Amino acid sequence: MKKWRPFATMPEQYIELKEVINKQLEVDQPVLTEEQMEQINFTLIEALHTNKQVYLTYYKKGQCITEKGFIQFVD
């Protein structure tokens, strides 16, 4: 591990590289049609009443994030 120690003296380089990689992974915000929004609404209401586990994918800061869980309420 000692041979890699000189490269760890420039933390700014790693910060910059991480920002460049994150910038490349960004996606445009998806645009939903009326039909897709109705299907999402139906799925949420069905999962709420039947207590089914669902996978939710949402857009946040240039990324699409997927999580799974149970619906407790719909706002």
PDB file of N, CA and C in Angstrom:
ATOM      1  N   MET A   1       0.813  -1.199   0.000  1.00  0.00           N
ATOM      2  CA  MET A   1       0.000   0.000   0.000  1.00  0.00           C
ATOM      3  C   MET A   1       0.855   1.262   0.000  1.00  0.00           C
ATOM      4  N   LYS A   2       2.098   1.165   0.392  1.00  0.00           N
ATOM      5  CA  LYS A   2       2.946   2.347   0.467  1.00  0.00           C
ATOM      6  C   LYS A   2       3.200   2.962  -0.909  1.00  0.00           C
ATOM      7  N   LYS A   3       3.244   2.135  -1.924  1.00  0.00           N
ATOM      8  CA  LYS A   3       3.544   2.680  -3.252  1.00  0.00           C
ATOM      9  C   LYS A   3       2.436   3.608  -3.764  1.00  0.00           C
ATOM     10  N   TRP A   4       1.204   3.521  -3.238  1.00  0.00           N
ATOM     11  CA  TRP A   4       0.109   4.373  -3.665  1.00  0.00           C
ATOM     12  C   TRP A   4      -0.016   5.640  -2.812  1.00  0.00           C
ATOM     13  N   ARG A   5       0.736   5.744  -1.735  1.00  0.00           N
ATOM     14  CA  ARG A   5       0.621   6.861  -0.823  1.00  0.00           C
ATOM     15  C   ARG A   5       0.854   8.222  -1.485  1.00  0.00           C
ATOM     16  N   PRO A   6       1.800   8.407  -2.420  1.00  0.00           N
ATOM     17  CA  PRO A   6       1.979   9.731  -3.026  1.00  0.00           C
ATOM     18  C   PRO A   6       0.741  10.233  -3.772  1.00  0.00           C
ATOM     19  N   PHE A   7      -0.074   9.345  -4.290  1.00  0.00           N
ATOM     20  CA  PHE A   7      -1.256   9.771  -5.033  1.00  0.00           C
ATOM     21  C   PHE A   7      -2.363  10.256  -4.112  1.00  0.00           C
ATOM     22  N   ALA A   8      -2.307   9.887  -2.849  1.00  0.00           N
ATOM     23  CA  ALA A   8      -3.338  10.305  -1.897  1.00  0.00           C
ATOM     24  C   ALA A   8      -3.096  11.713  -1.372  1.00  0.00           C
ATOM     25  N   THR A   9      -2.043  12.363  -1.813  1.00  0.00           N
ATOM     26  CA  THR A   9      -1.740  13.710  -1.331  1.00  0.00           C
ATOM     27  C   THR A   9      -2.537  14.778  -2.052  1.00  0.00           C
ATOM     28  N   MET A  10      -3.273  14.426  -3.088  1.00  0.00           N
ATOM     29  CA  MET A  10      -4.065  15.395  -3.846  1.00  0.00           C
ATOM     30  C   MET A  10      -5.554  15.065  -3.736  1.00  0.00           C
ATOM     31  N   PRO A  11      -6.180  15.345  -2.603  1.00  0.00           N
ATOM     32  CA  PRO A  11      -7.607  15.010  -2.460  1.00  0.00           C
ATOM     33  C   PRO A  11      -8.496  15.818  -3.400  1.00  0.00           C
ATOM     34  N   GLU A  12      -8.035  16.990  -3.837  1.00  0.00           N
ATOM     35  CA  GLU A  12      -8.829  17.793  -4.767  1.00  0.00           C
ATOM     36  C   GLU A  12      -9.079  17.040  -6.072  1.00  0.00           C
ATOM     37  N   GLN A  13      -8.081  16.269  -6.481  1.00  0.00           N
ATOM     38  CA  GLN A  13      -8.208  15.494  -7.717  1.00  0.00           C
ATOM     39  C   GLN A  13      -9.359  14.494  -7.601  1.00  0.00           C
ATOM     40  N   TYR A  14      -9.478  13.820  -6.475  1.00  0.00           N
ATOM     41  CA  TYR A  14     -10.538  12.839  -6.294  1.00  0.00           C
ATOM     42  C   TYR A  14     -11.905  13.506  -6.233  1.00  0.00           C
ATOM     43  N   ILE A  15     -11.951  14.677  -5.618  1.00  0.00           N
ATOM     44  CA  ILE A  15     -13.214  15.421  -5.551  1.00  0.00           C
ATOM     45  C   ILE A  15     -13.668  15.811  -6.950  1.00  0.00           C
ATOM     46  N   GLU A  16     -12.740  16.323  -7.750  1.00  0.00           N
ATOM     47  CA  GLU A  16     -13.058  16.723  -9.130  1.00  0.00           C
ATOM     48  C   GLU A  16     -13.495  15.524  -9.960  1.00  0.00           C
ATOM     49  N   LEU A  17     -12.783  14.400  -9.832  1.00  0.00           N
ATOM     50  CA  LEU A  17     -13.145  13.204 -10.596  1.00  0.00           C
ATOM     51  C   LEU A  17     -14.534  12.699 -10.207  1.00  0.00           C
ATOM     52  N   LYS A  18     -14.848  12.744  -8.921  1.00  0.00           N
ATOM     53  CA  LYS A  18     -16.169  12.306  -8.464  1.00  0.00           C
ATOM     54  C   LYS A  18     -17.262  13.197  -9.052  1.00  0.00           C
ATOM     55  N   GLU A  19     -17.022  14.499  -9.112  1.00  0.00           N
ATOM     56  CA  GLU A  19     -18.000  15.421  -9.694  1.00  0.00           C
ATOM     57  C   GLU A  19     -18.200  15.158 -11.177  1.00  0.00           C
ATOM     58  N   VAL A  20     -17.113  14.876 -11.899  1.00  0.00           N
ATOM     59  CA  VAL A  20     -17.211  14.588 -13.333  1.00  0.00           C
ATOM     60  C   VAL A  20     -18.006  13.308 -13.564  1.00  0.00           C
ATOM     61  N   ILE A  21     -17.739  12.288 -12.772  1.00  0.00           N
ATOM     62  CA  ILE A  21     -18.462  11.018 -12.916  1.00  0.00           C
ATOM     63  C   ILE A  21     -19.942  11.213 -12.604  1.00  0.00           C
ATOM     64  N   ASN A  22     -20.250  11.947 -11.545  1.00  0.00           N
ATOM     65  CA  ASN A  22     -21.658  12.197 -11.202  1.00  0.00           C
ATOM     66  C   ASN A  22     -22.358  12.996 -12.297  1.00  0.00           C
ATOM     67  N   LYS A  23     -21.652  13.935 -12.913  1.00  0.00           N
ATOM     68  CA  LYS A  23     -22.226  14.743 -13.996  1.00  0.00           C
ATOM     69  C   LYS A  23     -22.569  13.861 -15.199  1.00  0.00           C
ATOM     70  N   GLN A  24     -21.725  12.865 -15.484  1.00  0.00           N
ATOM     71  CA  GLN A  24     -21.973  11.973 -16.609  1.00  0.00           C
ATOM     72  C   GLN A  24     -23.155  11.043 -16.350  1.00  0.00           C
ATOM     73  N   LEU A  25     -23.440  10.742 -15.098  1.00  0.00           N
ATOM     74  CA  LEU A  25     -24.527   9.830 -14.763  1.00  0.00           C
ATOM     75  C   LEU A  25     -25.890  10.515 -14.694  1.00  0.00           C
ATOM     76  N   GLU A  26     -25.921  11.831 -14.784  1.00  0.00           N
ATOM     77  CA  GLU A  26     -27.186  12.558 -14.710  1.00  0.00           C
ATOM     78  C   GLU A  26     -28.069  12.247 -15.910  1.00  0.00           C
ATOM     79  N   VAL A  27     -29.376  12.184 -15.651  1.00  0.00           N
ATOM     80  CA  VAL A  27     -30.355  11.948 -16.710  1.00  0.00           C
ATOM     81  C   VAL A  27     -31.355  13.097 -16.701  1.00  0.00           C
ATOM     82  N   ASP A  28     -32.025  13.284 -17.820  1.00  0.00           N
ATOM     83  CA  ASP A  28     -33.067  14.308 -17.905  1.00  0.00           C
ATOM     84  C   ASP A  28     -34.292  13.844 -17.137  1.00  0.00           C
ATOM     85  N   GLN A  29     -35.037  14.804 -16.621  1.00  0.00           N
ATOM     86  CA  GLN A  29     -36.255  14.478 -15.892  1.00  0.00           C
ATOM     87  C   GLN A  29     -37.280  13.903 -16.858  1.00  0.00           C
ATOM     88  N   PRO A  30     -37.821  12.717 -16.547  1.00  0.00           N
ATOM     89  CA  PRO A  30     -38.800  12.111 -17.452  1.00  0.00           C
ATOM     90  C   PRO A  30     -40.112  12.899 -17.458  1.00  0.00           C
ATOM     91  N   VAL A  31     -40.770  12.900 -18.606  1.00  0.00           N
ATOM     92  CA  VAL A  31     -42.067  13.562 -18.755  1.00  0.00           C
ATOM     93  C   VAL A  31     -43.122  12.465 -18.852  1.00  0.00           C
ATOM     94  N   LEU A  32     -44.112  12.533 -17.965  1.00  0.00           N
ATOM     95  CA  LEU A  32     -45.154  11.513 -17.926  1.00  0.00           C
ATOM     96  C   LEU A  32     -46.388  11.973 -18.679  1.00  0.00           C
ATOM     97  N   THR A  33     -47.004  11.033 -19.381  1.00  0.00           N
ATOM     98  CA  THR A  33     -48.257  11.321 -20.056  1.00  0.00           C
ATOM     99  C   THR A  33     -49.395  11.205 -19.034  1.00  0.00           C
ATOM    100  N   GLU A  34     -50.556  11.661 -19.423  1.00  0.00           N
ATOM    101  CA  GLU A  34     -51.738  11.586 -18.556  1.00  0.00           C
ATOM    102  C   GLU A  34     -52.069  10.133 -18.222  1.00  0.00           C
ATOM    103  N   GLU A  35     -51.928   9.263 -19.211  1.00  0.00           N
ATOM    104  CA  GLU A  35     -52.220   7.846 -19.010  1.00  0.00           C
ATOM    105  C   GLU A  35     -51.249   7.220 -18.005  1.00  0.00           C
ATOM    106  N   GLN A  36     -49.968   7.582 -18.091  1.00  0.00           N
ATOM    107  CA  GLN A  36     -48.974   7.056 -17.151  1.00  0.00           C
ATOM    108  C   GLN A  36     -49.247   7.541 -15.727  1.00  0.00           C
ATOM    109  N   MET A  37     -49.656   8.793 -15.588  1.00  0.00           N
ATOM    110  CA  MET A  37     -49.974   9.322 -14.262  1.00  0.00           C
ATOM    111  C   MET A  37     -51.191   8.616 -13.664  1.00  0.00           C
ATOM    112  N   GLU A  38     -52.193   8.318 -14.494  1.00  0.00           N
ATOM    113  CA  GLU A  38     -53.367   7.592 -14.019  1.00  0.00           C
ATOM    114  C   GLU A  38     -52.990   6.180 -13.581  1.00  0.00           C
ATOM    115  N   GLN A  39     -52.089   5.531 -14.332  1.00  0.00           N
ATOM    116  CA  GLN A  39     -51.646   4.185 -13.985  1.00  0.00           C
ATOM    117  C   GLN A  39     -50.877   4.193 -12.659  1.00  0.00           C
ATOM    118  N   ILE A  40     -50.049   5.193 -12.447  1.00  0.00           N
ATOM    119  CA  ILE A  40     -49.310   5.323 -11.187  1.00  0.00           C
ATOM    120  C   ILE A  40     -50.283   5.520 -10.026  1.00  0.00           C
ATOM    121  N   ASN A  41     -51.264   6.384 -10.219  1.00  0.00           N
ATOM    122  CA  ASN A  41     -52.271   6.641  -9.191  1.00  0.00           C
ATOM    123  C   ASN A  41     -53.042   5.367  -8.846  1.00  0.00           C
ATOM    124  N   PHE A  42     -53.442   4.626  -9.862  1.00  0.00           N
ATOM    125  CA  PHE A  42     -54.171   3.371  -9.646  1.00  0.00           C
ATOM    126  C   PHE A  42     -53.314   2.372  -8.874  1.00  0.00           C
ATOM    127  N   THR A  43     -52.052   2.262  -9.247  1.00  0.00           N
ATOM    128  CA  THR A  43     -51.140   1.330  -8.580  1.00  0.00           C
ATOM    129  C   THR A  43     -50.928   1.714  -7.120  1.00  0.00           C
ATOM    130  N   LEU A  44     -50.782   3.013  -6.842  1.00  0.00           N
ATOM    131  CA  LEU A  44     -50.605   3.468  -5.464  1.00  0.00           C
ATOM    132  C   LEU A  44     -51.830   3.180  -4.608  1.00  0.00           C
ATOM    133  N   ILE A  45     -53.004   3.451  -5.138  1.00  0.00           N
ATOM    134  CA  ILE A  45     -54.238   3.210  -4.390  1.00  0.00           C
ATOM    135  C   ILE A  45     -54.434   1.713  -4.154  1.00  0.00           C
ATOM    136  N   GLU A  46     -54.143   0.902  -5.174  1.00  0.00           N
ATOM    137  CA  GLU A  46     -54.275  -0.544  -5.025  1.00  0.00           C
ATOM    138  C   GLU A  46     -53.295  -1.067  -3.967  1.00  0.00           C
ATOM    139  N   ALA A  47     -52.063  -0.590  -3.998  1.00  0.00           N
ATOM    140  CA  ALA A  47     -51.069  -1.024  -3.011  1.00  0.00           C
ATOM    141  C   ALA A  47     -51.444  -0.574  -1.609  1.00  0.00           C
ATOM    142  N   LEU A  48     -52.067   0.580  -1.498  1.00  0.00           N
ATOM    143  CA  LEU A  48     -52.507   1.085  -0.196  1.00  0.00           C
ATOM    144  C   LEU A  48     -53.579   0.188   0.411  1.00  0.00           C
ATOM    145  N   HIS A  49     -54.558  -0.227  -0.417  1.00  0.00           N
ATOM    146  CA  HIS A  49     -55.683  -1.018   0.082  1.00  0.00           C
ATOM    147  C   HIS A  49     -55.341  -2.497   0.278  1.00  0.00           C
ATOM    148  N   THR A  50     -54.424  -3.023  -0.521  1.00  0.00           N
ATOM    149  CA  THR A  50     -54.092  -4.448  -0.418  1.00  0.00           C
ATOM    150  C   THR A  50     -52.820  -4.696   0.377  1.00  0.00           C
ATOM    151  N   ASN A  51     -52.158  -3.633   0.818  1.00  0.00           N
ATOM    152  CA  ASN A  51     -50.920  -3.722   1.602  1.00  0.00           C
ATOM    153  C   ASN A  51     -49.837  -4.512   0.851  1.00  0.00           C
ATOM    154  N   LYS A  52     -49.698  -4.248  -0.448  1.00  0.00           N
ATOM    155  CA  LYS A  52     -48.670  -4.882  -1.267  1.00  0.00           C
ATOM    156  C   LYS A  52     -47.398  -4.043  -1.242  1.00  0.00           C
ATOM    157  N   GLN A  53     -46.284  -4.730  -1.406  1.00  0.00           N
ATOM    158  CA  GLN A  53     -45.005  -4.035  -1.501  1.00  0.00           C
ATOM    159  C   GLN A  53     -44.833  -3.518  -2.931  1.00  0.00           C
ATOM    160  N   VAL A  54     -44.350  -2.281  -3.053  1.00  0.00           N
ATOM    161  CA  VAL A  54     -44.180  -1.673  -4.375  1.00  0.00           C
ATOM    162  C   VAL A  54     -42.756  -1.146  -4.531  1.00  0.00           C
ATOM    163  N   TYR A  55     -42.328  -1.014  -5.771  1.00  0.00           N
ATOM    164  CA  TYR A  55     -41.075  -0.375  -6.108  1.00  0.00           C
ATOM    165  C   TYR A  55     -41.398   1.011  -6.660  1.00  0.00           C
ATOM    166  N   LEU A  56     -40.822   2.040  -6.064  1.00  0.00           N
ATOM    167  CA  LEU A  56     -41.038   3.410  -6.505  1.00  0.00           C
ATOM    168  C   LEU A  56     -39.752   3.943  -7.106  1.00  0.00           C
ATOM    169  N   THR A  57     -39.861   4.533  -8.274  1.00  0.00           N
ATOM    170  CA  THR A  57     -38.723   5.188  -8.905  1.00  0.00           C
ATOM    171  C   THR A  57     -39.074   6.655  -9.038  1.00  0.00           C
ATOM    172  N   TYR A  58     -38.223   7.502  -8.469  1.00  0.00           N
ATOM    173  CA  TYR A  58     -38.478   8.938  -8.524  1.00  0.00           C
ATOM    174  C   TYR A  58     -37.219   9.665  -8.963  1.00  0.00           C
ATOM    175  N   TYR A  59     -37.428  10.880  -9.441  1.00  0.00           N
ATOM    176  CA  TYR A  59     -36.352  11.708  -9.967  1.00  0.00           C
ATOM    177  C   TYR A  59     -35.919  12.708  -8.909  1.00  0.00           C
ATOM    178  N   LYS A  60     -34.592  12.782  -8.667  1.00  0.00           N
ATOM    179  CA  LYS A  60     -34.076  13.740  -7.689  1.00  0.00           C
ATOM    180  C   LYS A  60     -32.654  14.143  -8.088  1.00  0.00           C
ATOM    181  N   LYS A  61     -32.472  15.422  -8.335  1.00  0.00           N
ATOM    182  CA  LYS A  61     -31.157  16.001  -8.633  1.00  0.00           C
ATOM    183  C   LYS A  61     -30.417  15.272  -9.757  1.00  0.00           C
ATOM    184  N   GLY A  62     -31.106  15.004 -10.848  1.00  0.00           N
ATOM    185  CA  GLY A  62     -30.469  14.413 -12.021  1.00  0.00           C
ATOM    186  C   GLY A  62     -30.345  12.908 -11.985  1.00  0.00           C
ATOM    187  N   GLN A  63     -30.918  12.260 -10.996  1.00  0.00           N
ATOM    188  CA  GLN A  63     -30.832  10.810 -10.896  1.00  0.00           C
ATOM    189  C   GLN A  63     -32.213  10.215 -10.689  1.00  0.00           C
ATOM    190  N   CYS A  64     -32.400   9.012 -11.187  1.00  0.00           N
ATOM    191  CA  CYS A  64     -33.618   8.260 -10.931  1.00  0.00           C
ATOM    192  C   CYS A  64     -33.307   7.267  -9.815  1.00  0.00           C
ATOM    193  N   ILE A  65     -34.018   7.395  -8.713  1.00  0.00           N
ATOM    194  CA  ILE A  65     -33.759   6.592  -7.521  1.00  0.00           C
ATOM    195  C   ILE A  65     -34.914   5.617  -7.349  1.00  0.00           C
ATOM    196  N   THR A  66     -34.596   4.337  -7.111  1.00  0.00           N
ATOM    197  CA  THR A  66     -35.612   3.311  -6.934  1.00  0.00           C
ATOM    198  C   THR A  66     -35.547   2.795  -5.500  1.00  0.00           C
ATOM    199  N   GLU A  67     -36.705   2.733  -4.876  1.00  0.00           N
ATOM    200  CA  GLU A  67     -36.822   2.198  -3.517  1.00  0.00           C
ATOM    201  C   GLU A  67     -38.035   1.293  -3.463  1.00  0.00           C
ATOM    202  N   LYS A  68     -38.025   0.364  -2.521  1.00  0.00           N
ATOM    203  CA  LYS A  68     -39.185  -0.508  -2.348  1.00  0.00           C
ATOM    204  C   LYS A  68     -39.736  -0.328  -0.951  1.00  0.00           C
ATOM    205  N   GLY A  69     -41.034  -0.547  -0.829  1.00  0.00           N
ATOM    206  CA  GLY A  69     -41.665  -0.396   0.478  1.00  0.00           C
ATOM    207  C   GLY A  69     -43.164  -0.564   0.377  1.00  0.00           C
ATOM    208  N   PHE A  70     -43.834  -0.250   1.474  1.00  0.00           N
ATOM    209  CA  PHE A  70     -45.290  -0.343   1.553  1.00  0.00           C
ATOM    210  C   PHE A  70     -45.868   1.069   1.591  1.00  0.00           C
ATOM    211  N   ILE A  71     -47.012   1.240   0.968  1.00  0.00           N
ATOM    212  CA  ILE A  71     -47.682   2.539   0.937  1.00  0.00           C
ATOM    213  C   ILE A  71     -48.523   2.671   2.205  1.00  0.00           C
ATOM    214  N   GLN A  72     -48.281   3.743   2.976  1.00  0.00           N
ATOM    215  CA  GLN A  72     -49.048   3.965   4.196  1.00  0.00           C
ATOM    216  C   GLN A  72     -50.139   5.013   3.985  1.00  0.00           C
ATOM    217  N   PHE A  73     -49.852   6.021   3.141  1.00  0.00           N
ATOM    218  CA  PHE A  73     -50.864   7.012   2.791  1.00  0.00           C
ATOM    219  C   PHE A  73     -50.468   7.685   1.492  1.00  0.00           C
ATOM    220  N   VAL A  74     -51.457   8.275   0.834  1.00  0.00           N
ATOM    221  CA  VAL A  74     -51.238   8.986  -0.418  1.00  0.00           C
ATOM    222  C   VAL A  74     -51.647  10.425  -0.187  1.00  0.00           C
ATOM    223  N   ASP A  75     -50.735  11.348  -0.474  1.00  0.00           N
ATOM    224  CA  ASP A  75     -50.995  12.765  -0.248  1.00  0.00           C
ATOM    225  C   ASP A  75     -51.375  13.420  -1.557  1.00  0.00           C
TER     226      ASP A  75
END
